[in-house]
Amino acid sequence: MNKEFKIALGLLVLLFSIATVLLEVLAKIHFWSASYFQGFIPFSVLLIPYILYSSEVFCERSRVFAGRSFLNKLLIPAGILAAYVIASVWPGNFSPSLFLRLALWVLVPLILLVSPVLENHKFYVKEFLAALILWLPIEFGKLSGFDIKFSEGIQIPALAFGAPVLGLYLFLIVRNLPDIGYHFRWKWPDFVPVVFSLLALSVTLIPIGIRLNFLRYGGFDTPVAEMVESIFGIYFLVALPEELLFRSIIQNLCAKIFSRLPYSKWIALAAASVIFGMAHYNNLNPPSWPYVILAAIAGAFYGWTFMVTGKITIAAVVHMGVDFIWGILFKGVGG
């Protein structure tokens, strides 16, 4: 068992333990109760591959297994569908329509990416189409309703786990796209760009956000348990999934497309940042252009961190830091 796989297993144990403690402290859901297992089982089905894909040993074995037949390639997509069935049948809100949409969501990009690679194609058409299929149904709410419910009012948006699992499977296992940078082999020097980016974003986004009347200080009164929940929730449910899409896939593909141009990595960074900003246009009600501007600026620093470290998990730390500061200091602002 190599060090990287041990890190992944240790992280899994840590996340399961933190989730169990937070459910006990914040919701009084005991780890031996039916409510706990109602959410824990589908949660585990999605979390385990999400974390284990950070191990190259696990990825290589998954590639070998998936490469034996198309039926083998269906295992992870089937796992996502199984997680939905478990999460919905138990509380009694199973939807055949949503199940069909989820099935199309996992199967269409898989079929697209297992088809033969076009000779000498330089524009990664299939990869971009697969990325759009992965992203747009979620962006426009076509898959809403897939939630992992522990009890009334205590639930997790399962697509925040399902989307990165599917994305990692498609691009890391099926396509084996280079330079995704998904691992947790962190070193102290990796945090130099994290600190720089957070400081730069603090002195940039806060004044601009206040000037645009988008940000207003909301006070600081968040309990410790909720802060811990927020840190881990933002990182694994928001920051890492978004960074995998916009940096590991979109910025990565753009860099390969523009590779023959001068400053190709910077062009890719700019393109991914603009796309990231535009993706936030409809996140608030009503839609907000200041949010687009702030998100694009933030995306540039997330992308830069990814570019200089080569680790999407480090870029997600910056993303988490920004969202965490926004959540605890500027509560209820920006629409």
C-alpha atoms as a PDB file:
ATOM      1  CA  MET A   1       0.000   0.000   0.000  1.00  0.00           C
ATOM      2  CA  ASN A   2       1.725   3.211  -1.139  1.00  0.00           C
ATOM      3  CA  LYS A   3       1.723   6.528   0.704  1.00  0.00           C
ATOM      4  CA  GLU A   4      -0.775   8.225  -1.630  1.00  0.00           C
ATOM      5  CA  PHE A   5      -3.363   5.479  -1.128  1.00  0.00           C
ATOM      6  CA  LYS A   6      -2.826   5.647   2.640  1.00  0.00           C
ATOM      7  CA  ILE A   7      -3.486   9.411   2.496  1.00  0.00           C
ATOM      8  CA  ALA A   8      -6.751   8.770   0.627  1.00  0.00           C
ATOM      9  CA  LEU A   9      -7.878   6.137   3.133  1.00  0.00           C
ATOM     10  CA  GLY A  10      -6.938   8.383   6.052  1.00  0.00           C
ATOM     11  CA  LEU A  11      -8.909  11.251   4.527  1.00  0.00           C
ATOM     12  CA  LEU A  12     -11.929   8.989   4.102  1.00  0.00           C
ATOM     13  CA  VAL A  13     -11.810   7.957   7.754  1.00  0.00           C
ATOM     14  CA  LEU A  14     -11.418  11.602   8.789  1.00  0.00           C
ATOM     15  CA  LEU A  15     -14.385  12.763   6.692  1.00  0.00           C
ATOM     16  CA  PHE A  16     -16.650   9.955   7.898  1.00  0.00           C
ATOM     17  CA  SER A  17     -15.687  10.758  11.506  1.00  0.00           C
ATOM     18  CA  ILE A  18     -16.268  14.512  11.108  1.00  0.00           C
ATOM     19  CA  ALA A  19     -19.628  13.903   9.409  1.00  0.00           C
ATOM     20  CA  THR A  20     -20.683  11.576  12.236  1.00  0.00           C
ATOM     21  CA  VAL A  21     -19.670  14.071  14.943  1.00  0.00           C
ATOM     22  CA  LEU A  22     -21.329  17.022  13.202  1.00  0.00           C
ATOM     23  CA  LEU A  23     -24.581  15.080  12.760  1.00  0.00           C
ATOM     24  CA  GLU A  24     -24.509  14.259  16.474  1.00  0.00           C
ATOM     25  CA  VAL A  25     -23.658  17.795  17.628  1.00  0.00           C
ATOM     26  CA  LEU A  26     -25.711  19.872  15.202  1.00  0.00           C
ATOM     27  CA  ALA A  27     -28.708  17.614  14.508  1.00  0.00           C
ATOM     28  CA  LYS A  28     -28.726  15.054  17.357  1.00  0.00           C
ATOM     29  CA  ILE A  29     -28.632  12.225  14.812  1.00  0.00           C
ATOM     30  CA  HIS A  30     -26.943   9.267  16.524  1.00  0.00           C
ATOM     31  CA  PHE A  31     -24.612   7.064  14.496  1.00  0.00           C
ATOM     32  CA  TRP A  32     -26.621   3.930  15.375  1.00  0.00           C
ATOM     33  CA  SER A  33     -30.000   5.415  14.356  1.00  0.00           C
ATOM     34  CA  ALA A  34     -32.029   4.681  11.217  1.00  0.00           C
ATOM     35  CA  SER A  35     -31.769   8.357  10.189  1.00  0.00           C
ATOM     36  CA  TYR A  36     -27.984   8.087  10.210  1.00  0.00           C
ATOM     37  CA  PHE A  37     -27.876   5.024   7.966  1.00  0.00           C
ATOM     38  CA  GLN A  38     -30.587   6.471   5.694  1.00  0.00           C
ATOM     39  CA  GLY A  39     -28.082   9.136   4.653  1.00  0.00           C
ATOM     40  CA  PHE A  40     -24.801   7.378   5.422  1.00  0.00           C
ATOM     41  CA  ILE A  41     -25.198   4.565   2.867  1.00  0.00           C
ATOM     42  CA  PRO A  42     -25.720   6.716  -0.280  1.00  0.00           C
ATOM     43  CA  PHE A  43     -23.233   9.244   1.139  1.00  0.00           C
ATOM     44  CA  SER A  44     -20.612   6.464   1.316  1.00  0.00           C
ATOM     45  CA  VAL A  45     -21.360   5.215  -2.205  1.00  0.00           C
ATOM     46  CA  LEU A  46     -20.448   8.656  -3.569  1.00  0.00           C
ATOM     47  CA  LEU A  47     -17.740   9.756  -1.137  1.00  0.00           C
ATOM     48  CA  ILE A  48     -15.546   6.641  -1.433  1.00  0.00           C
ATOM     49  CA  PRO A  49     -14.711   6.977  -5.163  1.00  0.00           C
ATOM     50  CA  TYR A  50     -14.587  10.796  -4.807  1.00  0.00           C
ATOM     51  CA  ILE A  51     -11.648  10.489  -2.415  1.00  0.00           C
ATOM     52  CA  LEU A  52      -9.994   7.302  -3.720  1.00  0.00           C
ATOM     53  CA  TYR A  53      -9.570   8.805  -7.193  1.00  0.00           C
ATOM     54  CA  SER A  54      -6.907  11.007  -5.602  1.00  0.00           C
ATOM     55  CA  SER A  55      -4.700   7.883  -5.490  1.00  0.00           C
ATOM     56  CA  GLU A  56      -2.889   7.027  -8.732  1.00  0.00           C
ATOM     57  CA  VAL A  57      -2.700   3.362  -7.688  1.00  0.00           C
ATOM     58  CA  PHE A  58      -6.487   3.212  -7.353  1.00  0.00           C
ATOM     59  CA  CYS A  59      -6.909   5.108 -10.651  1.00  0.00           C
ATOM     60  CA  GLU A  60      -4.578   2.752 -12.526  1.00  0.00           C
ATOM     61  CA  ARG A  61      -6.410  -0.311 -11.241  1.00  0.00           C
ATOM     62  CA  SER A  62      -9.723   1.326 -12.148  1.00  0.00           C
ATOM     63  CA  ARG A  63      -8.459   1.970 -15.686  1.00  0.00           C
ATOM     64  CA  VAL A  64      -7.422  -1.674 -16.052  1.00  0.00           C
ATOM     65  CA  PHE A  65     -10.811  -2.867 -14.770  1.00  0.00           C
ATOM     66  CA  ALA A  66     -12.791  -0.414 -16.938  1.00  0.00           C
ATOM     67  CA  GLY A  67     -10.718  -1.289 -19.988  1.00  0.00           C
ATOM     68  CA  ARG A  68     -11.794  -4.937 -19.995  1.00  0.00           C
ATOM     69  CA  SER A  69     -15.325  -4.314 -21.285  1.00  0.00           C
ATOM     70  CA  PHE A  70     -18.023  -1.687 -21.714  1.00  0.00           C
ATOM     71  CA  LEU A  71     -20.029  -3.354 -18.939  1.00  0.00           C
ATOM     72  CA  ASN A  72     -17.117  -2.767 -16.578  1.00  0.00           C
ATOM     73  CA  LYS A  73     -17.126   0.881 -17.598  1.00  0.00           C
ATOM     74  CA  LEU A  74     -20.717   1.132 -16.372  1.00  0.00           C
ATOM     75  CA  LEU A  75     -19.822   0.330 -12.751  1.00  0.00           C
ATOM     76  CA  ILE A  76     -19.233   3.896 -11.505  1.00  0.00           C
ATOM     77  CA  PRO A  77     -22.192   5.384 -13.449  1.00  0.00           C
ATOM     78  CA  ALA A  78     -24.335   2.571 -12.028  1.00  0.00           C
ATOM     79  CA  GLY A  79     -23.045   3.443  -8.551  1.00  0.00           C
ATOM     80  CA  ILE A  80     -24.257   7.035  -8.935  1.00  0.00           C
ATOM     81  CA  LEU A  81     -27.696   5.791  -9.982  1.00  0.00           C
ATOM     82  CA  ALA A  82     -27.698   3.289  -7.110  1.00  0.00           C
ATOM     83  CA  ALA A  83     -26.941   6.133  -4.691  1.00  0.00           C
ATOM     84  CA  TYR A  84     -30.001   7.991  -5.999  1.00  0.00           C
ATOM     85  CA  VAL A  85     -32.216   4.916  -5.649  1.00  0.00           C
ATOM     86  CA  ILE A  86     -31.069   4.332  -2.052  1.00  0.00           C
ATOM     87  CA  ALA A  87     -31.349   8.027  -1.142  1.00  0.00           C
ATOM     88  CA  SER A  88     -34.858   8.365  -2.604  1.00  0.00           C
ATOM     89  CA  VAL A  89     -36.574   5.010  -2.010  1.00  0.00           C
ATOM     90  CA  TRP A  90     -35.838   4.984   1.729  1.00  0.00           C
ATOM     91  CA  PRO A  91     -37.572   8.344   2.447  1.00  0.00           C
ATOM     92  CA  GLY A  92     -40.205   7.607  -0.236  1.00  0.00           C
ATOM     93  CA  ASN A  93     -39.530  10.350  -2.818  1.00  0.00           C
ATOM     94  CA  PHE A  94     -38.234   8.295  -5.758  1.00  0.00           C
ATOM     95  CA  SER A  95     -38.924   9.946  -9.129  1.00  0.00           C
ATOM     96  CA  PRO A  96     -38.810   7.811 -12.313  1.00  0.00           C
ATOM     97  CA  SER A  97     -38.413  11.003 -14.343  1.00  0.00           C
ATOM     98  CA  LEU A  98     -35.386  12.147 -12.338  1.00  0.00           C
ATOM     99  CA  PHE A  99     -33.903   8.648 -12.476  1.00  0.00           C
ATOM    100  CA  LEU A 100     -34.158   8.707 -16.285  1.00  0.00           C
ATOM    101  CA  ARG A 101     -32.540  12.154 -16.462  1.00  0.00           C
ATOM    102  CA  LEU A 102     -29.723  11.006 -14.195  1.00  0.00           C
ATOM    103  CA  ALA A 103     -29.249   7.891 -16.323  1.00  0.00           C
ATOM    104  CA  LEU A 104     -28.895  10.023 -19.466  1.00  0.00           C
ATOM    105  CA  TRP A 105     -26.587  12.414 -17.607  1.00  0.00           C
ATOM    106  CA  VAL A 106     -24.132   9.642 -16.696  1.00  0.00           C
ATOM    107  CA  LEU A 107     -24.428   7.545 -19.877  1.00  0.00           C
ATOM    108  CA  VAL A 108     -24.306  10.125 -22.692  1.00  0.00           C
ATOM    109  CA  PRO A 109     -20.855  11.579 -21.837  1.00  0.00           C
ATOM    110  CA  LEU A 110     -19.550   8.076 -21.120  1.00  0.00           C
ATOM    111  CA  ILE A 111     -20.604   6.835 -24.562  1.00  0.00           C
ATOM    112  CA  LEU A 112     -19.140   9.996 -26.065  1.00  0.00           C
ATOM    113  CA  LEU A 113     -15.753   9.516 -24.461  1.00  0.00           C
ATOM    114  CA  VAL A 114     -15.380   5.770 -24.995  1.00  0.00           C
ATOM    115  CA  SER A 115     -15.844   6.183 -28.741  1.00  0.00           C
ATOM    116  CA  PRO A 116     -12.609   6.172 -30.783  1.00  0.00           C
ATOM    117  CA  VAL A 117     -10.448   9.281 -30.533  1.00  0.00           C
ATOM    118  CA  LEU A 118     -10.452  11.352 -33.720  1.00  0.00           C
ATOM    119  CA  GLU A 119      -7.162  11.231 -35.619  1.00  0.00           C
ATOM    120  CA  ASN A 120      -5.024  14.291 -34.896  1.00  0.00           C
ATOM    121  CA  HIS A 121      -7.931  16.350 -33.627  1.00  0.00           C
ATOM    122  CA  LYS A 122      -6.630  19.343 -31.682  1.00  0.00           C
ATOM    123  CA  PHE A 123      -9.776  20.912 -30.322  1.00  0.00           C
ATOM    124  CA  TYR A 124     -10.907  18.235 -27.850  1.00  0.00           C
ATOM    125  CA  VAL A 125     -14.465  18.432 -29.158  1.00  0.00           C
ATOM    126  CA  LYS A 126     -15.664  15.310 -27.375  1.00  0.00           C
ATOM    127  CA  GLU A 127     -14.075  16.370 -24.105  1.00  0.00           C
ATOM    128  CA  PHE A 128     -15.717  19.800 -24.207  1.00  0.00           C
ATOM    129  CA  LEU A 129     -19.087  18.282 -25.098  1.00  0.00           C
ATOM    130  CA  ALA A 130     -18.749  15.833 -22.217  1.00  0.00           C
ATOM    131  CA  ALA A 131     -17.861  18.712 -19.875  1.00  0.00           C
ATOM    132  CA  LEU A 132     -20.928  20.671 -21.020  1.00  0.00           C
ATOM    133  CA  ILE A 133     -23.184  17.647 -20.516  1.00  0.00           C
ATOM    134  CA  LEU A 134     -21.667  17.218 -17.056  1.00  0.00           C
ATOM    135  CA  TRP A 135     -22.206  20.867 -16.118  1.00  0.00           C
ATOM    136  CA  LEU A 136     -25.236  22.398 -17.855  1.00  0.00           C
ATOM    137  CA  PRO A 137     -28.013  20.092 -16.555  1.00  0.00           C
ATOM    138  CA  ILE A 138     -26.898  20.962 -13.022  1.00  0.00           C
ATOM    139  CA  GLU A 139     -26.454  24.648 -13.826  1.00  0.00           C
ATOM    140  CA  PHE A 140     -30.046  24.921 -15.073  1.00  0.00           C
ATOM    141  CA  GLY A 141     -31.577  22.750 -12.362  1.00  0.00           C
ATOM    142  CA  LYS A 142     -32.561  19.817 -14.581  1.00  0.00           C
ATOM    143  CA  LEU A 143     -31.288  17.301 -12.012  1.00  0.00           C
ATOM    144  CA  SER A 144     -32.585  18.999  -8.870  1.00  0.00           C
ATOM    145  CA  GLY A 145     -34.122  16.684  -6.296  1.00  0.00           C
ATOM    146  CA  PHE A 146     -31.169  14.333  -5.878  1.00  0.00           C
ATOM    147  CA  ASP A 147     -30.459  14.888  -2.196  1.00  0.00           C
ATOM    148  CA  ILE A 148     -29.105  12.677   0.574  1.00  0.00           C
ATOM    149  CA  LYS A 149     -31.566  13.101   3.416  1.00  0.00           C
ATOM    150  CA  PHE A 150     -30.698  12.183   7.001  1.00  0.00           C
ATOM    151  CA  SER A 151     -33.845  13.630   8.574  1.00  0.00           C
ATOM    152  CA  GLU A 152     -36.302  16.463   8.015  1.00  0.00           C
ATOM    153  CA  GLY A 153     -34.249  19.568   7.204  1.00  0.00           C
ATOM    154  CA  ILE A 154     -30.901  17.728   7.340  1.00  0.00           C
ATOM    155  CA  GLN A 155     -29.767  16.836   3.847  1.00  0.00           C
ATOM    156  CA  ILE A 156     -26.789  17.046   1.484  1.00  0.00           C
ATOM    157  CA  PRO A 157     -27.012  17.990  -2.216  1.00  0.00           C
ATOM    158  CA  ALA A 158     -25.831  14.669  -3.639  1.00  0.00           C
ATOM    159  CA  LEU A 159     -24.870  16.125  -7.017  1.00  0.00           C
ATOM    160  CA  ALA A 160     -22.066  17.992  -5.253  1.00  0.00           C
ATOM    161  CA  PHE A 161     -20.522  14.526  -4.797  1.00  0.00           C
ATOM    162  CA  GLY A 162     -22.003  12.830  -7.863  1.00  0.00           C
ATOM    163  CA  ALA A 163     -20.753  15.429 -10.369  1.00  0.00           C
ATOM    164  CA  PRO A 164     -17.065  15.294  -9.351  1.00  0.00           C
ATOM    165  CA  VAL A 165     -17.229  11.480  -9.137  1.00  0.00           C
ATOM    166  CA  LEU A 166     -18.598  11.326 -12.682  1.00  0.00           C
ATOM    167  CA  GLY A 167     -16.194  14.000 -13.922  1.00  0.00           C
ATOM    168  CA  LEU A 168     -13.179  12.287 -12.406  1.00  0.00           C
ATOM    169  CA  TYR A 169     -14.300   8.939 -13.787  1.00  0.00           C
ATOM    170  CA  LEU A 170     -14.804  10.306 -17.301  1.00  0.00           C
ATOM    171  CA  PHE A 171     -11.645  12.378 -17.569  1.00  0.00           C
ATOM    172  CA  LEU A 172      -9.256  10.647 -15.182  1.00  0.00           C
ATOM    173  CA  ILE A 173     -10.192   6.990 -15.746  1.00  0.00           C
ATOM    174  CA  VAL A 174     -11.951   6.665 -19.114  1.00  0.00           C
ATOM    175  CA  ARG A 175     -10.029   9.400 -20.964  1.00  0.00           C
ATOM    176  CA  ASN A 176      -6.922   9.578 -18.745  1.00  0.00           C
ATOM    177  CA  LEU A 177      -6.576  13.303 -19.445  1.00  0.00           C
ATOM    178  CA  PRO A 178      -3.149  14.536 -18.290  1.00  0.00           C
ATOM    179  CA  ASP A 179      -2.575  17.372 -15.813  1.00  0.00           C
ATOM    180  CA  ILE A 180      -5.827  17.107 -13.852  1.00  0.00           C
ATOM    181  CA  GLY A 181      -3.817  17.469 -10.643  1.00  0.00           C
ATOM    182  CA  TYR A 182      -6.232  15.666  -8.349  1.00  0.00           C
ATOM    183  CA  HIS A 183      -4.290  14.400  -5.359  1.00  0.00           C
ATOM    184  CA  PHE A 184      -3.611  15.340  -1.744  1.00  0.00           C
ATOM    185  CA  ARG A 185       0.187  15.125  -1.767  1.00  0.00           C
ATOM    186  CA  TRP A 186       0.504  18.571  -0.270  1.00  0.00           C
ATOM    187  CA  LYS A 187       3.782  20.231   0.654  1.00  0.00           C
ATOM    188  CA  TRP A 188       4.399  23.386   2.634  1.00  0.00           C
ATOM    189  CA  PRO A 189       5.542  25.393  -0.443  1.00  0.00           C
ATOM    190  CA  ASP A 190       2.117  24.742  -2.012  1.00  0.00           C
ATOM    191  CA  PHE A 191       0.587  27.107   0.535  1.00  0.00           C
ATOM    192  CA  VAL A 192       2.683  30.097  -0.524  1.00  0.00           C
ATOM    193  CA  PRO A 193       0.420  30.776  -3.554  1.00  0.00           C
ATOM    194  CA  VAL A 194      -2.605  30.028  -1.336  1.00  0.00           C
ATOM    195  CA  VAL A 195      -1.631  32.779   1.119  1.00  0.00           C
ATOM    196  CA  PHE A 196      -0.716  35.167  -1.709  1.00  0.00           C
ATOM    197  CA  SER A 197      -4.017  34.553  -3.521  1.00  0.00           C
ATOM    198  CA  LEU A 198      -6.136  34.972  -0.385  1.00  0.00           C
ATOM    199  CA  LEU A 199      -4.367  38.213   0.543  1.00  0.00           C
ATOM    200  CA  ALA A 200      -4.609  39.543  -3.009  1.00  0.00           C
ATOM    201  CA  LEU A 201      -8.286  38.625  -3.250  1.00  0.00           C
ATOM    202  CA  SER A 202      -9.024  40.183   0.145  1.00  0.00           C
ATOM    203  CA  VAL A 203      -7.585  43.561  -0.872  1.00  0.00           C
ATOM    204  CA  THR A 204      -9.220  43.291  -4.314  1.00  0.00           C
ATOM    205  CA  LEU A 205     -12.644  41.710  -3.955  1.00  0.00           C
ATOM    206  CA  ILE A 206     -13.744  43.338  -0.707  1.00  0.00           C
ATOM    207  CA  PRO A 207     -13.200  46.981  -1.824  1.00  0.00           C
ATOM    208  CA  ILE A 208     -14.673  46.281  -5.282  1.00  0.00           C
ATOM    209  CA  GLY A 209     -17.618  44.398  -3.777  1.00  0.00           C
ATOM    210  CA  ILE A 210     -18.342  47.238  -1.330  1.00  0.00           C
ATOM    211  CA  ARG A 211     -17.937  49.825  -4.109  1.00  0.00           C
ATOM    212  CA  LEU A 212     -20.442  47.917  -6.260  1.00  0.00           C
ATOM    213  CA  ASN A 213     -22.821  47.713  -3.270  1.00  0.00           C
ATOM    214  CA  PHE A 214     -22.564  43.930  -3.455  1.00  0.00           C
ATOM    215  CA  LEU A 215     -20.836  43.317  -0.119  1.00  0.00           C
ATOM    216  CA  ARG A 216     -21.741  44.613   3.327  1.00  0.00           C
ATOM    217  CA  TYR A 217     -20.156  43.505   6.571  1.00  0.00           C
ATOM    218  CA  GLY A 218     -22.598  41.269   8.435  1.00  0.00           C
ATOM    219  CA  GLY A 219     -20.816  40.688  11.750  1.00  0.00           C
ATOM    220  CA  PHE A 220     -19.086  37.603  13.099  1.00  0.00           C
ATOM    221  CA  ASP A 221     -21.099  35.291  15.335  1.00  0.00           C
ATOM    222  CA  THR A 222     -20.733  31.805  13.807  1.00  0.00           C
ATOM    223  CA  PRO A 223     -20.467  28.922  16.337  1.00  0.00           C
ATOM    224  CA  VAL A 224     -17.358  26.741  16.112  1.00  0.00           C
ATOM    225  CA  ALA A 225     -19.263  23.589  15.083  1.00  0.00           C
ATOM    226  CA  GLU A 226     -20.931  25.459  12.229  1.00  0.00           C
ATOM    227  CA  MET A 227     -17.564  26.880  11.150  1.00  0.00           C
ATOM    228  CA  VAL A 228     -16.106  23.365  10.948  1.00  0.00           C
ATOM    229  CA  GLU A 229     -19.154  22.193   8.996  1.00  0.00           C
ATOM    230  CA  SER A 230     -18.791  25.205   6.695  1.00  0.00           C
ATOM    231  CA  ILE A 231     -15.076  24.642   6.025  1.00  0.00           C
ATOM    232  CA  PHE A 232     -15.439  20.986   5.063  1.00  0.00           C
ATOM    233  CA  GLY A 233     -18.804  21.505   3.359  1.00  0.00           C
ATOM    234  CA  ILE A 234     -17.548  24.358   1.188  1.00  0.00           C
ATOM    235  CA  TYR A 235     -14.344  22.534   0.295  1.00  0.00           C
ATOM    236  CA  PHE A 236     -15.837  19.197  -0.756  1.00  0.00           C
ATOM    237  CA  LEU A 237     -19.320  20.294  -1.878  1.00  0.00           C
ATOM    238  CA  VAL A 238     -18.527  23.577  -3.662  1.00  0.00           C
ATOM    239  CA  ALA A 239     -14.862  24.485  -4.102  1.00  0.00           C
ATOM    240  CA  LEU A 240     -13.380  21.159  -5.207  1.00  0.00           C
ATOM    241  CA  PRO A 241     -16.234  20.215  -7.611  1.00  0.00           C
ATOM    242  CA  GLU A 242     -16.111  23.643  -9.266  1.00  0.00           C
ATOM    243  CA  GLU A 243     -12.325  23.655  -9.492  1.00  0.00           C
ATOM    244  CA  LEU A 244     -12.344  20.188 -11.056  1.00  0.00           C
ATOM    245  CA  LEU A 245     -14.713  21.430 -13.755  1.00  0.00           C
ATOM    246  CA  PHE A 246     -13.355  24.903 -14.466  1.00  0.00           C
ATOM    247  CA  ARG A 247      -9.654  24.332 -13.875  1.00  0.00           C
ATOM    248  CA  SER A 248      -8.845  20.595 -14.185  1.00  0.00           C
ATOM    249  CA  ILE A 249     -11.072  20.195 -17.232  1.00  0.00           C
ATOM    250  CA  ILE A 250     -11.862  23.529 -18.926  1.00  0.00           C
ATOM    251  CA  GLN A 251      -8.626  25.449 -18.196  1.00  0.00           C
ATOM    252  CA  ASN A 252      -6.619  22.273 -18.786  1.00  0.00           C
ATOM    253  CA  LEU A 253      -8.265  21.629 -22.173  1.00  0.00           C
ATOM    254  CA  CYS A 254      -7.899  25.282 -23.196  1.00  0.00           C
ATOM    255  CA  ALA A 255      -4.183  25.153 -22.389  1.00  0.00           C
ATOM    256  CA  LYS A 256      -3.819  22.127 -24.671  1.00  0.00           C
ATOM    257  CA  ILE A 257      -5.811  23.754 -27.476  1.00  0.00           C
ATOM    258  CA  PHE A 258      -3.738  26.959 -27.327  1.00  0.00           C
ATOM    259  CA  SER A 259      -0.458  25.152 -26.671  1.00  0.00           C
ATOM    260  CA  ARG A 260       1.186  26.437 -29.871  1.00  0.00           C
ATOM    261  CA  LEU A 261       0.429  30.062 -29.063  1.00  0.00           C
ATOM    262  CA  PRO A 262       2.684  32.296 -26.952  1.00  0.00           C
ATOM    263  CA  TYR A 263       1.496  32.525 -23.338  1.00  0.00           C
ATOM    264  CA  SER A 264      -0.926  29.647 -23.945  1.00  0.00           C
ATOM    265  CA  LYS A 265      -1.346  28.919 -20.233  1.00  0.00           C
ATOM    266  CA  TRP A 266      -2.258  32.537 -19.529  1.00  0.00           C
ATOM    267  CA  ILE A 267      -4.778  32.558 -22.391  1.00  0.00           C
ATOM    268  CA  ALA A 268      -6.315  29.388 -20.954  1.00  0.00           C
ATOM    269  CA  LEU A 269      -6.381  30.974 -17.499  1.00  0.00           C
ATOM    270  CA  ALA A 270      -8.189  34.055 -18.843  1.00  0.00           C
ATOM    271  CA  ALA A 271     -10.693  31.970 -20.813  1.00  0.00           C
ATOM    272  CA  ALA A 272     -11.520  29.713 -17.868  1.00  0.00           C
ATOM    273  CA  SER A 273     -11.857  32.728 -15.548  1.00  0.00           C
ATOM    274  CA  VAL A 274     -14.343  34.452 -17.865  1.00  0.00           C
ATOM    275  CA  ILE A 275     -16.365  31.237 -18.226  1.00  0.00           C
ATOM    276  CA  PHE A 276     -16.277  30.789 -14.441  1.00  0.00           C
ATOM    277  CA  GLY A 277     -17.518  34.348 -13.935  1.00  0.00           C
ATOM    278  CA  MET A 278     -20.343  33.950 -16.465  1.00  0.00           C
ATOM    279  CA  ALA A 279     -21.373  30.683 -14.811  1.00  0.00           C
ATOM    280  CA  HIS A 280     -22.258  32.729 -11.706  1.00  0.00           C
ATOM    281  CA  TYR A 281     -24.621  35.098 -13.540  1.00  0.00           C
ATOM    282  CA  ASN A 282     -27.781  33.208 -12.634  1.00  0.00           C
ATOM    283  CA  ASN A 283     -26.640  32.056  -9.179  1.00  0.00           C
ATOM    284  CA  LEU A 284     -28.466  34.923  -7.485  1.00  0.00           C
ATOM    285  CA  ASN A 285     -32.030  36.123  -7.827  1.00  0.00           C
ATOM    286  CA  PRO A 286     -32.154  38.515  -9.610  1.00  0.00           C
ATOM    287  CA  PRO A 287     -29.003  37.777 -11.676  1.00  0.00           C
ATOM    288  CA  SER A 288     -26.058  39.966 -10.739  1.00  0.00           C
ATOM    289  CA  TRP A 289     -23.316  41.359 -12.986  1.00  0.00           C
ATOM    290  CA  PRO A 290     -21.205  42.441  -9.979  1.00  0.00           C
ATOM    291  CA  TYR A 291     -21.210  38.779  -8.935  1.00  0.00           C
ATOM    292  CA  VAL A 292     -19.943  37.825 -12.407  1.00  0.00           C
ATOM    293  CA  ILE A 293     -17.092  40.361 -12.162  1.00  0.00           C
ATOM    294  CA  LEU A 294     -16.068  39.292  -8.659  1.00  0.00           C
ATOM    295  CA  ALA A 295     -16.285  35.589  -9.570  1.00  0.00           C
ATOM    296  CA  ALA A 296     -14.130  36.110 -12.679  1.00  0.00           C
ATOM    297  CA  ILE A 297     -11.459  37.922 -10.640  1.00  0.00           C
ATOM    298  CA  ALA A 298     -11.538  35.191  -8.008  1.00  0.00           C
ATOM    299  CA  GLY A 299     -11.417  32.541 -10.739  1.00  0.00           C
ATOM    300  CA  ALA A 300      -8.236  34.090 -12.115  1.00  0.00           C
ATOM    301  CA  PHE A 301      -6.495  33.557  -8.774  1.00  0.00           C
ATOM    302  CA  TYR A 302      -7.894  30.031  -8.398  1.00  0.00           C
ATOM    303  CA  GLY A 303      -6.617  29.240 -11.885  1.00  0.00           C
ATOM    304  CA  TRP A 304      -3.239  30.831 -11.188  1.00  0.00           C
ATOM    305  CA  THR A 305      -2.861  28.733  -8.042  1.00  0.00           C
ATOM    306  CA  PHE A 306      -3.674  25.622 -10.073  1.00  0.00           C
ATOM    307  CA  MET A 307      -1.223  26.691 -12.774  1.00  0.00           C
ATOM    308  CA  VAL A 308       1.749  27.225 -10.438  1.00  0.00           C
ATOM    309  CA  THR A 309       1.151  24.244  -8.120  1.00  0.00           C
ATOM    310  CA  GLY A 310      -0.352  21.751 -10.577  1.00  0.00           C
ATOM    311  CA  LYS A 311      -2.729  20.670  -7.793  1.00  0.00           C
ATOM    312  CA  ILE A 312      -6.452  21.270  -8.093  1.00  0.00           C
ATOM    313  CA  THR A 313      -6.867  20.331  -4.443  1.00  0.00           C
ATOM    314  CA  ILE A 314      -4.686  23.331  -3.518  1.00  0.00           C
ATOM    315  CA  ALA A 315      -6.590  25.701  -5.824  1.00  0.00           C
ATOM    316  CA  ALA A 316      -9.751  24.538  -4.053  1.00  0.00           C
ATOM    317  CA  VAL A 317      -8.251  25.671  -0.724  1.00  0.00           C
ATOM    318  CA  VAL A 318      -8.158  29.250  -2.059  1.00  0.00           C
ATOM    319  CA  HIS A 319     -11.718  28.892  -3.345  1.00  0.00           C
ATOM    320  CA  MET A 320     -12.858  27.532   0.013  1.00  0.00           C
ATOM    321  CA  GLY A 321     -11.107  30.371   1.852  1.00  0.00           C
ATOM    322  CA  VAL A 322     -12.884  33.029  -0.213  1.00  0.00           C
ATOM    323  CA  ASP A 323     -16.312  31.403   0.178  1.00  0.00           C
ATOM    324  CA  PHE A 324     -15.730  30.822   3.890  1.00  0.00           C
ATOM    325  CA  ILE A 325     -14.770  34.448   4.558  1.00  0.00           C
ATOM    326  CA  TRP A 326     -17.733  35.603   2.495  1.00  0.00           C
ATOM    327  CA  GLY A 327     -20.071  33.280   4.395  1.00  0.00           C
ATOM    328  CA  ILE A 328     -19.016  34.266   7.917  1.00  0.00           C
ATOM    329  CA  LEU A 329     -18.358  37.993   7.433  1.00  0.00           C
ATOM    330  CA  PHE A 330     -20.802  38.986   4.692  1.00  0.00           C
ATOM    331  CA  LYS A 331     -23.825  36.872   5.531  1.00  0.00           C
ATOM    332  CA  GLY A 332     -26.977  37.413   3.477  1.00  0.00           C
ATOM    333  CA  VAL A 333     -25.451  39.904   1.044  1.00  0.00           C
ATOM    334  CA  GLY A 334     -25.155  40.092  -2.685  1.00  0.00           C
ATOM    335  CA  GLY A 335     -28.795  39.313  -3.437  1.00  0.00           C
END
